[in-house]
Amino acid sequence: MKKLILILSFCFSSLTWAGESAGVTAAKAWLSMVDSGEYAESWQQADAFFKSQLPQANWDAALKEVRTPLGAVVSRTELGSKEYSALPGVPDGQYLVIQFQTDFQNKKSSTETLTLSKSSGEWLPIGYFIK
């Protein structure tokens, strides 16, 4: 019985890790677009909920005002990620909140928080904050 529990625990932890890994991979790919100044493309690659809340022109303007002055990314390290089934202001679903410790050329030691949703079947951004 102990072997069965150990095997099941391993299987479930592997499934969770795989899901988080896919989310983190998607997050890094999306952040790469933002890092490259591909703001319109990052908006296109975001979740439908994100797009419904923020017109593309507003997204472009916000990133040009906030993200562009930070300069190039010097380093980005994942601090952690956590899955949620409910978050304030959005319908219940599958969400992943990932935080990164990021050093930019013009601002050291920033925290980026990226929230992704799996409502479309794949992890897509619904929120991005830099602190």
Protein backbone atom coordinates (compact mmCIF):
# COMPACT_ATOMS: atom_id res chain seq x y z
CA MET A 1 0.00 0.00 0.00
CA LYS A 2 2.85 2.40 0.81
CA LYS A 3 4.36 1.75 -2.61
CA LEU A 4 1.04 2.56 -4.29
CA ILE A 5 0.74 5.84 -2.37
CA LEU A 6 4.32 6.75 -3.23
CA ILE A 7 3.76 5.98 -6.92
CA LEU A 8 0.50 7.96 -7.01
CA SER A 9 2.15 10.87 -5.21
CA PHE A 10 4.96 10.85 -7.73
CA CYS A 11 2.51 10.75 -10.66
CA PHE A 12 0.45 13.65 -9.35
CA SER A 13 3.50 15.76 -8.51
CA SER A 14 4.86 15.10 -12.01
CA LEU A 15 1.58 16.22 -13.58
CA THR A 16 1.57 19.43 -11.55
CA TRP A 17 5.20 20.12 -12.41
CA ALA A 18 4.53 19.55 -16.11
CA GLY A 19 1.59 21.98 -16.04
CA GLU A 20 3.61 24.64 -14.28
CA SER A 21 6.49 24.12 -16.65
CA ALA A 22 4.23 24.71 -19.65
CA GLY A 23 2.92 27.88 -18.01
CA VAL A 24 6.39 29.16 -17.21
CA THR A 25 7.54 28.39 -20.75
CA ALA A 26 4.59 30.34 -22.15
CA ALA A 27 5.29 33.21 -19.75
CA LYS A 28 8.94 33.45 -20.78
CA ALA A 29 8.05 33.40 -24.49
CA TRP A 30 5.51 36.19 -23.97
CA LEU A 31 7.92 38.24 -21.86
CA SER A 32 10.49 37.87 -24.63
CA MET A 33 8.08 39.66 -26.99
CA VAL A 34 7.68 42.48 -24.49
CA ASP A 35 11.46 42.62 -23.97
CA SER A 36 11.92 42.99 -27.74
CA GLY A 37 9.47 45.88 -27.90
CA GLU A 38 6.92 43.78 -29.81
CA TYR A 39 4.06 45.32 -27.85
CA ALA A 40 1.38 44.83 -30.51
CA GLU A 41 2.36 41.16 -30.86
CA SER A 42 2.28 40.68 -27.07
CA TRP A 43 -1.27 42.05 -27.03
CA GLN A 44 -2.24 39.69 -29.87
CA GLN A 45 -0.79 36.73 -27.92
CA ALA A 46 -2.70 37.58 -24.73
CA ASP A 47 -5.91 35.97 -23.48
CA ALA A 48 -9.27 37.21 -24.79
CA PHE A 49 -10.13 38.50 -21.30
CA PHE A 50 -6.99 40.67 -21.33
CA LYS A 51 -7.89 42.07 -24.75
CA SER A 52 -11.47 42.80 -23.65
CA GLN A 53 -10.21 44.84 -20.70
CA LEU A 54 -7.46 46.80 -22.44
CA PRO A 55 -7.51 48.04 -26.04
CA GLN A 56 -4.29 47.47 -27.98
CA ALA A 57 -3.56 51.19 -28.28
CA ASN A 58 -3.74 51.56 -24.48
CA TRP A 59 -1.49 48.54 -23.99
CA ASP A 60 1.09 49.93 -26.43
CA ALA A 61 1.00 53.34 -24.73
CA ALA A 62 1.32 51.85 -21.24
CA LEU A 63 4.32 49.72 -22.17
CA LYS A 64 6.03 52.61 -23.97
CA GLU A 65 5.56 54.72 -20.85
CA VAL A 66 6.49 52.12 -18.23
CA ARG A 67 8.51 49.29 -19.80
CA THR A 68 10.59 51.02 -22.49
CA PRO A 69 12.44 53.35 -20.05
CA LEU A 70 13.62 50.34 -18.02
CA GLY A 71 15.90 49.28 -20.86
CA ALA A 72 17.09 45.81 -21.73
CA VAL A 73 16.70 42.85 -19.40
CA VAL A 74 20.02 42.07 -17.74
CA SER A 75 18.71 39.03 -15.84
CA ARG A 76 15.39 37.39 -15.01
CA THR A 77 14.98 34.66 -12.41
CA GLU A 78 11.74 32.91 -11.54
CA LEU A 79 10.86 33.50 -7.89
CA GLY A 80 7.93 31.11 -7.89
CA SER A 81 4.57 30.27 -9.35
CA LYS A 82 1.22 29.27 -7.95
CA GLU A 83 -1.95 27.94 -9.55
CA TYR A 84 -5.38 29.28 -8.62
CA SER A 85 -8.94 28.37 -9.53
CA ALA A 86 -10.30 31.80 -8.58
CA LEU A 87 -8.85 35.31 -8.63
CA PRO A 88 -10.51 38.67 -7.95
CA GLY A 89 -12.17 40.29 -10.96
CA VAL A 90 -12.02 37.29 -13.31
CA PRO A 91 -14.30 34.28 -13.86
CA ASP A 92 -13.34 31.07 -12.04
CA GLY A 93 -10.93 28.97 -14.07
CA GLN A 94 -7.31 27.85 -14.24
CA TYR A 95 -4.81 30.58 -13.44
CA LEU A 96 -1.09 30.68 -12.91
CA VAL A 97 0.63 33.60 -11.19
CA ILE A 98 4.38 33.73 -11.75
CA GLN A 99 6.83 36.17 -10.20
CA PHE A 100 10.25 36.97 -11.59
CA GLN A 101 13.15 38.87 -10.05
CA THR A 102 14.30 41.02 -12.96
CA ASP A 103 17.22 43.37 -13.35
CA PHE A 104 16.78 45.86 -16.15
CA GLN A 105 19.50 48.03 -17.62
CA ASN A 106 18.01 51.14 -15.94
CA LYS A 107 16.34 49.57 -12.89
CA LYS A 108 17.81 46.87 -10.72
CA SER A 109 15.90 44.42 -8.56
CA SER A 110 12.40 44.68 -9.99
CA THR A 111 9.60 42.17 -9.48
CA GLU A 112 7.58 41.21 -12.52
CA THR A 113 4.27 39.46 -11.91
CA LEU A 114 2.60 37.73 -14.82
CA THR A 115 -0.82 36.12 -14.49
CA LEU A 116 -1.85 33.56 -17.08
CA SER A 117 -5.18 31.89 -17.80
CA LYS A 118 -5.80 28.53 -19.40
CA SER A 119 -9.37 29.37 -20.48
CA SER A 120 -8.45 28.95 -24.16
CA GLY A 121 -6.75 25.60 -23.59
CA GLU A 122 -3.26 27.10 -23.45
CA TRP A 123 -1.59 29.42 -20.96
CA LEU A 124 -2.10 33.03 -22.09
CA PRO A 125 -1.42 36.28 -20.18
CA ILE A 126 -4.24 38.19 -18.53
CA GLY A 127 -2.14 40.51 -16.37
CA TYR A 128 1.38 41.95 -16.18
CA PHE A 129 2.82 44.17 -13.47
CA ILE A 130 6.29 45.54 -12.72
CA LYS A 131 7.17 46.68 -9.23
